[in-house]
């Protein structure tokens, strides 16, 4: 997103944070847009330009017009939050994909482990029998 659009969203959020939008806020927003043509040609500038034209059409600003402008600012704030969330999710997904592709092994395997066991006699509990070395192997490993 362009820097001017980000700056405009921040201006809208600052106006919303003040609690109530005033006629001066609407004028300052329109003045900023008049000085930043590039912001008027993309979202959210194009939405604001249209709303501000309606607000100033009769050369006076009513409470109803300010409420409508406030609703537009809230809509911009919500849409911006979704846009940022989606972008962060895409970045995280890309990071995970890059990380996963570089992480060996692709299949978890147990290492080959030779084991000698002492087995107790069933008939004489004091006797133990040693087994030949055996290997515990996973399906994908082979004894050496």
N, C-alpha and C. Protein backbone atom coordinates (compact mmCIF):
# COMPACT_ATOMS: atom_id res chain seq x y z
N UNK A 1 0.85 -1.17 0.00
CA UNK A 1 0.00 0.00 0.00
C UNK A 1 0.89 1.24 0.00
N UNK A 2 0.45 2.25 -0.71
CA UNK A 2 1.21 3.48 -0.84
C UNK A 2 1.31 4.22 0.50
N UNK A 3 2.39 4.96 0.65
CA UNK A 3 2.62 5.70 1.89
C UNK A 3 1.53 6.74 2.13
N UNK A 4 1.03 7.37 1.05
CA UNK A 4 -0.01 8.39 1.22
C UNK A 4 -1.31 7.77 1.74
N UNK A 5 -1.60 6.55 1.30
CA UNK A 5 -2.81 5.86 1.78
C UNK A 5 -2.65 5.51 3.26
N UNK A 6 -1.46 5.06 3.64
CA UNK A 6 -1.22 4.74 5.05
C UNK A 6 -1.34 6.00 5.90
N UNK A 7 -0.78 7.10 5.41
CA UNK A 7 -0.87 8.37 6.13
C UNK A 7 -2.33 8.80 6.28
N UNK A 8 -3.10 8.63 5.24
CA UNK A 8 -4.52 9.00 5.28
C UNK A 8 -5.29 8.15 6.29
N UNK A 9 -5.03 6.86 6.31
CA UNK A 9 -5.69 5.98 7.28
C UNK A 9 -5.33 6.41 8.69
N UNK A 10 -4.07 6.76 8.92
CA UNK A 10 -3.64 7.22 10.24
C UNK A 10 -4.35 8.52 10.62
N UNK A 11 -4.54 9.39 9.66
CA UNK A 11 -5.29 10.64 9.93
C UNK A 11 -6.74 10.33 10.31
N UNK A 12 -7.34 9.41 9.58
CA UNK A 12 -8.73 9.02 9.87
C UNK A 12 -8.83 8.42 11.27
N UNK A 13 -7.87 7.55 11.62
CA UNK A 13 -7.87 6.95 12.95
C UNK A 13 -7.69 7.99 14.05
N UNK A 14 -6.86 9.00 13.80
CA UNK A 14 -6.66 10.07 14.78
C UNK A 14 -7.95 10.86 15.00
N UNK A 15 -8.68 11.10 13.92
CA UNK A 15 -9.95 11.82 14.04
C UNK A 15 -10.94 10.98 14.86
N UNK A 16 -11.00 9.69 14.57
CA UNK A 16 -11.90 8.80 15.32
C UNK A 16 -11.51 8.72 16.79
N UNK A 17 -10.21 8.73 17.05
CA UNK A 17 -9.72 8.62 18.43
C UNK A 17 -10.12 9.84 19.27
N UNK A 18 -10.31 10.97 18.62
CA UNK A 18 -10.69 12.18 19.36
C UNK A 18 -12.11 12.10 19.90
N UNK A 19 -12.88 11.13 19.40
CA UNK A 19 -14.21 10.92 19.94
C UNK A 19 -15.32 11.40 19.02
N UNK A 20 -15.31 12.67 18.71
CA UNK A 20 -16.39 13.23 17.89
C UNK A 20 -15.77 14.05 16.77
N UNK A 21 -16.23 13.82 15.56
CA UNK A 21 -15.68 14.55 14.42
C UNK A 21 -16.33 15.94 14.36
N UNK A 22 -15.49 16.92 14.11
CA UNK A 22 -15.99 18.31 14.04
C UNK A 22 -15.94 18.80 12.60
N UNK A 23 -16.51 19.96 12.40
CA UNK A 23 -16.45 20.58 11.08
C UNK A 23 -15.00 20.88 10.71
N UNK A 24 -14.20 21.28 11.69
CA UNK A 24 -12.78 21.55 11.45
C UNK A 24 -12.04 20.27 11.03
N UNK A 25 -12.39 19.14 11.65
CA UNK A 25 -11.77 17.86 11.26
C UNK A 25 -12.09 17.55 9.80
N UNK A 26 -13.33 17.75 9.42
CA UNK A 26 -13.75 17.48 8.03
C UNK A 26 -13.01 18.42 7.08
N UNK A 27 -12.89 19.68 7.47
CA UNK A 27 -12.18 20.64 6.62
C UNK A 27 -10.70 20.26 6.50
N UNK A 28 -10.06 19.92 7.62
CA UNK A 28 -8.64 19.54 7.59
C UNK A 28 -8.41 18.30 6.71
N UNK A 29 -9.34 17.36 6.80
CA UNK A 29 -9.24 16.15 5.99
C UNK A 29 -9.36 16.49 4.49
N UNK A 30 -10.34 17.32 4.16
CA UNK A 30 -10.52 17.74 2.77
C UNK A 30 -9.31 18.53 2.27
N UNK A 31 -8.77 19.39 3.12
CA UNK A 31 -7.60 20.18 2.76
C UNK A 31 -6.39 19.27 2.51
N UNK A 32 -6.19 18.28 3.37
CA UNK A 32 -5.07 17.35 3.19
C UNK A 32 -5.22 16.58 1.87
N UNK A 33 -6.44 16.14 1.58
CA UNK A 33 -6.68 15.42 0.32
C UNK A 33 -6.45 16.33 -0.89
N UNK A 34 -6.82 17.60 -0.78
CA UNK A 34 -6.57 18.55 -1.88
C UNK A 34 -5.07 18.71 -2.14
N UNK A 35 -4.25 18.60 -1.09
CA UNK A 35 -2.80 18.75 -1.24
C UNK A 35 -2.09 17.44 -1.59
N UNK A 36 -2.81 16.32 -1.57
CA UNK A 36 -2.21 15.01 -1.83
C UNK A 36 -3.03 14.27 -2.88
N UNK A 37 -2.81 14.64 -4.13
CA UNK A 37 -3.58 14.06 -5.24
C UNK A 37 -3.47 12.55 -5.33
N UNK A 38 -2.26 12.01 -5.08
CA UNK A 38 -2.10 10.56 -5.20
C UNK A 38 -2.97 9.80 -4.21
N UNK A 39 -3.22 10.37 -3.06
CA UNK A 39 -4.07 9.72 -2.06
C UNK A 39 -5.54 9.72 -2.49
N UNK A 40 -5.92 10.63 -3.34
CA UNK A 40 -7.31 10.72 -3.80
C UNK A 40 -7.64 9.66 -4.84
N UNK A 41 -6.62 9.11 -5.49
CA UNK A 41 -6.85 8.16 -6.58
C UNK A 41 -6.87 6.70 -6.14
N UNK A 42 -6.65 6.44 -4.86
CA UNK A 42 -6.67 5.06 -4.37
C UNK A 42 -7.48 5.00 -3.06
N UNK A 43 -7.75 3.79 -2.64
CA UNK A 43 -8.47 3.61 -1.38
C UNK A 43 -7.57 4.04 -0.24
N UNK A 44 -8.06 4.72 0.76
CA UNK A 44 -9.43 5.14 1.05
C UNK A 44 -9.76 6.55 0.58
N UNK A 45 -8.78 7.18 -0.09
CA UNK A 45 -8.98 8.56 -0.54
C UNK A 45 -10.17 8.74 -1.44
N UNK A 46 -10.34 7.82 -2.39
CA UNK A 46 -11.46 7.95 -3.32
C UNK A 46 -12.81 7.89 -2.60
N UNK A 47 -12.90 7.11 -1.54
CA UNK A 47 -14.14 7.01 -0.74
C UNK A 47 -14.36 8.32 0.01
N UNK A 48 -13.30 8.84 0.59
CA UNK A 48 -13.42 10.08 1.37
C UNK A 48 -13.73 11.29 0.49
N UNK A 49 -13.11 11.35 -0.68
CA UNK A 49 -13.37 12.48 -1.58
C UNK A 49 -14.85 12.56 -1.91
N UNK A 50 -15.42 11.43 -2.24
CA UNK A 50 -16.85 11.39 -2.57
C UNK A 50 -17.70 11.86 -1.38
N UNK A 51 -17.40 11.35 -0.20
CA UNK A 51 -18.19 11.72 0.98
C UNK A 51 -17.99 13.19 1.35
N UNK A 52 -16.75 13.67 1.25
CA UNK A 52 -16.49 15.07 1.59
C UNK A 52 -17.13 16.03 0.58
N UNK A 53 -17.21 15.64 -0.69
CA UNK A 53 -17.90 16.47 -1.67
C UNK A 53 -19.37 16.63 -1.30
N UNK A 54 -19.99 15.53 -0.87
CA UNK A 54 -21.40 15.60 -0.44
C UNK A 54 -21.54 16.46 0.82
N UNK A 55 -20.56 16.34 1.72
CA UNK A 55 -20.61 17.12 2.97
C UNK A 55 -20.53 18.62 2.68
N UNK A 56 -19.67 19.03 1.75
CA UNK A 56 -19.48 20.44 1.47
C UNK A 56 -20.35 20.95 0.31
N UNK A 57 -21.20 20.12 -0.25
CA UNK A 57 -21.99 20.50 -1.43
C UNK A 57 -22.85 21.75 -1.21
N UNK A 58 -23.46 21.86 -0.05
CA UNK A 58 -24.35 23.01 0.20
C UNK A 58 -23.67 24.11 1.01
N UNK A 59 -22.34 24.03 1.14
CA UNK A 59 -21.52 25.04 1.82
C UNK A 59 -21.78 25.13 3.32
N UNK A 60 -22.53 24.19 3.88
CA UNK A 60 -22.68 24.12 5.33
C UNK A 60 -22.62 22.65 5.75
N UNK A 61 -22.15 22.44 6.95
CA UNK A 61 -21.98 21.08 7.43
C UNK A 61 -22.96 20.84 8.59
N UNK A 62 -23.79 19.83 8.41
CA UNK A 62 -24.78 19.50 9.45
C UNK A 62 -24.28 18.33 10.30
N UNK A 63 -24.95 18.13 11.44
CA UNK A 63 -24.61 17.00 12.30
C UNK A 63 -24.84 15.67 11.58
N UNK A 64 -25.88 15.61 10.76
CA UNK A 64 -26.15 14.39 10.00
C UNK A 64 -25.01 14.08 9.05
N UNK A 65 -24.50 15.10 8.37
CA UNK A 65 -23.38 14.91 7.45
C UNK A 65 -22.12 14.46 8.21
N UNK A 66 -21.92 15.03 9.40
CA UNK A 66 -20.77 14.62 10.20
C UNK A 66 -20.91 13.18 10.69
N UNK A 67 -22.14 12.77 11.02
CA UNK A 67 -22.38 11.38 11.42
C UNK A 67 -22.10 10.43 10.25
N UNK A 68 -22.53 10.83 9.05
CA UNK A 68 -22.24 10.00 7.86
C UNK A 68 -20.74 9.91 7.62
N UNK A 69 -20.05 11.01 7.78
CA UNK A 69 -18.59 11.02 7.60
C UNK A 69 -17.93 10.15 8.67
N UNK A 70 -18.43 10.20 9.88
CA UNK A 70 -17.91 9.34 10.96
C UNK A 70 -18.11 7.87 10.60
N UNK A 71 -19.26 7.54 10.05
CA UNK A 71 -19.52 6.15 9.64
C UNK A 71 -18.54 5.71 8.55
N UNK A 72 -18.23 6.61 7.62
CA UNK A 72 -17.25 6.29 6.57
C UNK A 72 -15.87 6.08 7.19
N UNK A 73 -15.49 6.92 8.14
CA UNK A 73 -14.19 6.77 8.81
C UNK A 73 -14.12 5.43 9.57
N UNK A 74 -15.20 5.06 10.21
CA UNK A 74 -15.23 3.77 10.91
C UNK A 74 -15.11 2.61 9.92
N UNK A 75 -15.79 2.74 8.81
CA UNK A 75 -15.71 1.71 7.77
C UNK A 75 -14.28 1.57 7.26
N UNK A 76 -13.63 2.68 7.04
CA UNK A 76 -12.23 2.68 6.59
C UNK A 76 -11.35 2.00 7.64
N UNK A 77 -11.58 2.34 8.90
CA UNK A 77 -10.80 1.73 9.98
C UNK A 77 -10.96 0.21 9.99
N UNK A 78 -12.20 -0.27 9.87
CA UNK A 78 -12.45 -1.71 9.87
C UNK A 78 -11.81 -2.39 8.66
N UNK A 79 -11.97 -1.80 7.51
CA UNK A 79 -11.40 -2.39 6.29
C UNK A 79 -9.88 -2.40 6.36
N UNK A 80 -9.30 -1.36 6.93
CA UNK A 80 -7.85 -1.29 7.09
C UNK A 80 -7.37 -2.40 8.04
N UNK A 81 -8.09 -2.62 9.13
CA UNK A 81 -7.72 -3.67 10.08
C UNK A 81 -7.74 -5.04 9.40
N UNK A 82 -8.73 -5.29 8.56
CA UNK A 82 -8.82 -6.55 7.83
C UNK A 82 -7.66 -6.66 6.84
N UNK A 83 -7.36 -5.59 6.15
CA UNK A 83 -6.26 -5.58 5.18
C UNK A 83 -4.93 -5.88 5.86
N UNK A 84 -4.68 -5.24 6.98
CA UNK A 84 -3.43 -5.46 7.71
C UNK A 84 -3.37 -6.89 8.23
N UNK A 85 -4.48 -7.38 8.78
CA UNK A 85 -4.52 -8.76 9.28
C UNK A 85 -4.23 -9.76 8.15
N UNK A 86 -4.86 -9.55 7.01
CA UNK A 86 -4.66 -10.46 5.88
C UNK A 86 -3.21 -10.42 5.38
N UNK A 87 -2.64 -9.24 5.35
CA UNK A 87 -1.25 -9.10 4.91
C UNK A 87 -0.30 -9.80 5.89
N UNK A 88 -0.55 -9.62 7.17
CA UNK A 88 0.29 -10.29 8.18
C UNK A 88 0.13 -11.81 8.07
N UNK A 89 -1.07 -12.28 7.80
CA UNK A 89 -1.30 -13.72 7.65
C UNK A 89 -0.54 -14.25 6.42
N UNK A 90 -0.57 -13.50 5.31
CA UNK A 90 0.17 -13.92 4.12
C UNK A 90 1.67 -13.96 4.40
N UNK A 91 2.18 -12.96 5.10
CA UNK A 91 3.59 -12.93 5.46
C UNK A 91 3.95 -14.12 6.34
N UNK A 92 3.11 -14.43 7.32
CA UNK A 92 3.36 -15.56 8.21
C UNK A 92 3.33 -16.88 7.44
N UNK A 93 2.35 -17.04 6.55
CA UNK A 93 2.26 -18.25 5.74
C UNK A 93 3.51 -18.43 4.87
N UNK A 94 3.95 -17.35 4.26
CA UNK A 94 5.16 -17.41 3.43
C UNK A 94 6.37 -17.78 4.27
N UNK A 95 6.47 -17.19 5.44
CA UNK A 95 7.59 -17.49 6.34
C UNK A 95 7.58 -18.96 6.74
N UNK A 96 6.42 -19.48 7.08
CA UNK A 96 6.31 -20.89 7.48
C UNK A 96 6.67 -21.79 6.31
N UNK A 97 6.20 -21.46 5.11
CA UNK A 97 6.53 -22.27 3.93
C UNK A 97 8.04 -22.28 3.68
N UNK A 98 8.67 -21.13 3.79
CA UNK A 98 10.12 -21.05 3.58
C UNK A 98 10.85 -21.84 4.67
N UNK A 99 10.40 -21.71 5.88
CA UNK A 99 11.03 -22.42 6.99
C UNK A 99 10.83 -23.92 6.86
N UNK A 100 9.63 -24.33 6.54
CA UNK A 100 9.33 -25.76 6.43
C UNK A 100 10.11 -26.43 5.31
N UNK A 101 10.30 -25.72 4.22
CA UNK A 101 11.03 -26.33 3.10
C UNK A 101 12.51 -26.52 3.41
N UNK A 102 13.02 -25.81 4.38
CA UNK A 102 14.44 -25.92 4.71
C UNK A 102 14.69 -26.79 5.94
N UNK A 103 13.65 -27.37 6.47
CA UNK A 103 13.80 -28.15 7.69
C UNK A 103 13.86 -29.64 7.38
N UNK A 104 15.07 -30.24 7.46
CA UNK A 104 15.12 -31.69 7.30
C UNK A 104 14.81 -32.34 8.64
N UNK A 105 14.46 -33.54 8.74
CA UNK A 105 14.06 -34.39 7.63
C UNK A 105 12.58 -34.21 7.34
N UNK A 106 12.17 -34.47 6.11
CA UNK A 106 10.75 -34.32 5.81
C UNK A 106 9.90 -35.39 6.47
N UNK A 107 10.51 -36.55 6.79
CA UNK A 107 9.79 -37.62 7.47
C UNK A 107 10.55 -37.92 8.76
N UNK A 108 9.86 -37.93 9.89
CA UNK A 108 10.50 -38.22 11.16
C UNK A 108 10.89 -39.70 11.20
N UNK A 109 12.12 -39.98 11.60
CA UNK A 109 12.60 -41.35 11.68
C UNK A 109 13.35 -41.56 12.99
N UNK A 110 13.21 -42.74 13.53
CA UNK A 110 14.01 -43.12 14.69
C UNK A 110 15.35 -43.63 14.17
N UNK A 111 16.43 -43.35 14.87
CA UNK A 111 17.72 -43.87 14.42
C UNK A 111 17.80 -45.38 14.69
N UNK A 112 18.66 -46.06 13.94
CA UNK A 112 18.91 -47.48 14.14
C UNK A 112 19.62 -47.64 15.49
N UNK A 113 19.05 -48.47 16.38
CA UNK A 113 19.62 -48.67 17.71
C UNK A 113 19.81 -50.16 17.96
N UNK A 114 21.07 -50.67 18.02
CA UNK A 114 21.27 -52.09 18.35
C UNK A 114 21.07 -52.29 19.85
N UNK A 115 20.35 -53.35 20.24
CA UNK A 115 20.03 -53.59 21.65
C UNK A 115 20.35 -55.05 22.01
N UNK A 116 20.99 -55.23 23.16
CA UNK A 116 21.15 -56.56 23.74
C UNK A 116 20.28 -56.60 24.98
N UNK A 117 19.48 -57.65 25.08
CA UNK A 117 18.57 -57.76 26.20
C UNK A 117 18.91 -58.96 27.08
N UNK A 118 18.69 -58.81 28.36
CA UNK A 118 18.80 -59.94 29.29
C UNK A 118 17.38 -60.37 29.62
N UNK A 119 17.05 -61.63 29.29
CA UNK A 119 15.71 -62.15 29.50
C UNK A 119 15.73 -63.09 30.71
N UNK A 120 14.83 -62.88 31.64
CA UNK A 120 14.75 -63.71 32.83
C UNK A 120 14.10 -65.06 32.48
N UNK A 121 14.63 -66.11 33.06
CA UNK A 121 14.09 -67.46 32.86
C UNK A 121 12.75 -67.57 33.59
N UNK A 122 11.78 -68.23 32.93
CA UNK A 122 10.48 -68.44 33.58
C UNK A 122 10.55 -69.56 34.63
N UNK A 123 11.44 -70.52 34.39
CA UNK A 123 11.51 -71.66 35.32
C UNK A 123 12.43 -71.38 36.51
N UNK A 124 13.49 -70.58 36.33
CA UNK A 124 14.42 -70.26 37.41
C UNK A 124 14.60 -68.75 37.40
N UNK A 125 13.95 -68.05 38.31
CA UNK A 125 13.95 -66.58 38.31
C UNK A 125 15.33 -65.98 38.59
N UNK A 126 16.28 -66.78 39.01
CA UNK A 126 17.62 -66.25 39.25
C UNK A 126 18.48 -66.28 37.98
N UNK A 127 17.99 -66.94 36.93
CA UNK A 127 18.75 -67.04 35.68
C UNK A 127 18.30 -65.99 34.67
N UNK A 128 19.29 -65.44 33.93
CA UNK A 128 19.02 -64.49 32.84
C UNK A 128 19.71 -65.01 31.59
N UNK A 129 19.09 -64.86 30.49
CA UNK A 129 19.65 -65.25 29.19
C UNK A 129 19.93 -63.98 28.39
N UNK A 130 21.13 -63.92 27.82
CA UNK A 130 21.48 -62.80 26.95
C UNK A 130 21.05 -63.13 25.54
N UNK A 131 20.47 -62.17 24.89
CA UNK A 131 20.04 -62.37 23.50
C UNK A 131 21.14 -61.91 22.57
N UNK A 132 21.02 -62.33 21.36
CA UNK A 132 21.89 -61.80 20.32
C UNK A 132 21.51 -60.33 20.13
N UNK A 133 22.44 -59.49 19.71
CA UNK A 133 22.05 -58.11 19.44
C UNK A 133 20.94 -58.07 18.39
N UNK A 134 19.91 -57.29 18.70
CA UNK A 134 18.82 -57.09 17.76
C UNK A 134 18.72 -55.60 17.45
N UNK A 135 18.06 -55.29 16.40
CA UNK A 135 17.91 -53.89 16.02
C UNK A 135 16.44 -53.53 16.05
N UNK A 136 16.17 -52.42 16.65
CA UNK A 136 14.84 -51.86 16.59
C UNK A 136 14.87 -50.84 15.47
N UNK A 137 14.09 -51.07 14.46
CA UNK A 137 14.17 -50.20 13.29
C UNK A 137 12.78 -49.65 12.97
N UNK A 138 12.77 -48.50 12.37
CA UNK A 138 11.52 -47.91 11.90
C UNK A 138 11.26 -48.44 10.50
N UNK A 139 10.06 -48.24 10.00
CA UNK A 139 9.74 -48.76 8.65
C UNK A 139 10.69 -48.25 7.56
N UNK A 140 11.24 -47.04 7.72
CA UNK A 140 12.09 -46.47 6.68
C UNK A 140 13.58 -46.67 6.92
N UNK A 141 13.96 -47.29 8.05
CA UNK A 141 15.38 -47.49 8.31
C UNK A 141 15.74 -48.95 8.10
N UNK A 142 17.01 -49.17 7.86
CA UNK A 142 17.45 -50.55 7.64
C UNK A 142 18.57 -50.83 8.63
N UNK A 143 18.59 -52.04 9.21
CA UNK A 143 19.65 -52.40 10.15
C UNK A 143 20.99 -52.44 9.42
N UNK A 144 22.03 -52.12 10.16
CA UNK A 144 23.38 -52.12 9.56
C UNK A 144 24.16 -53.28 10.08
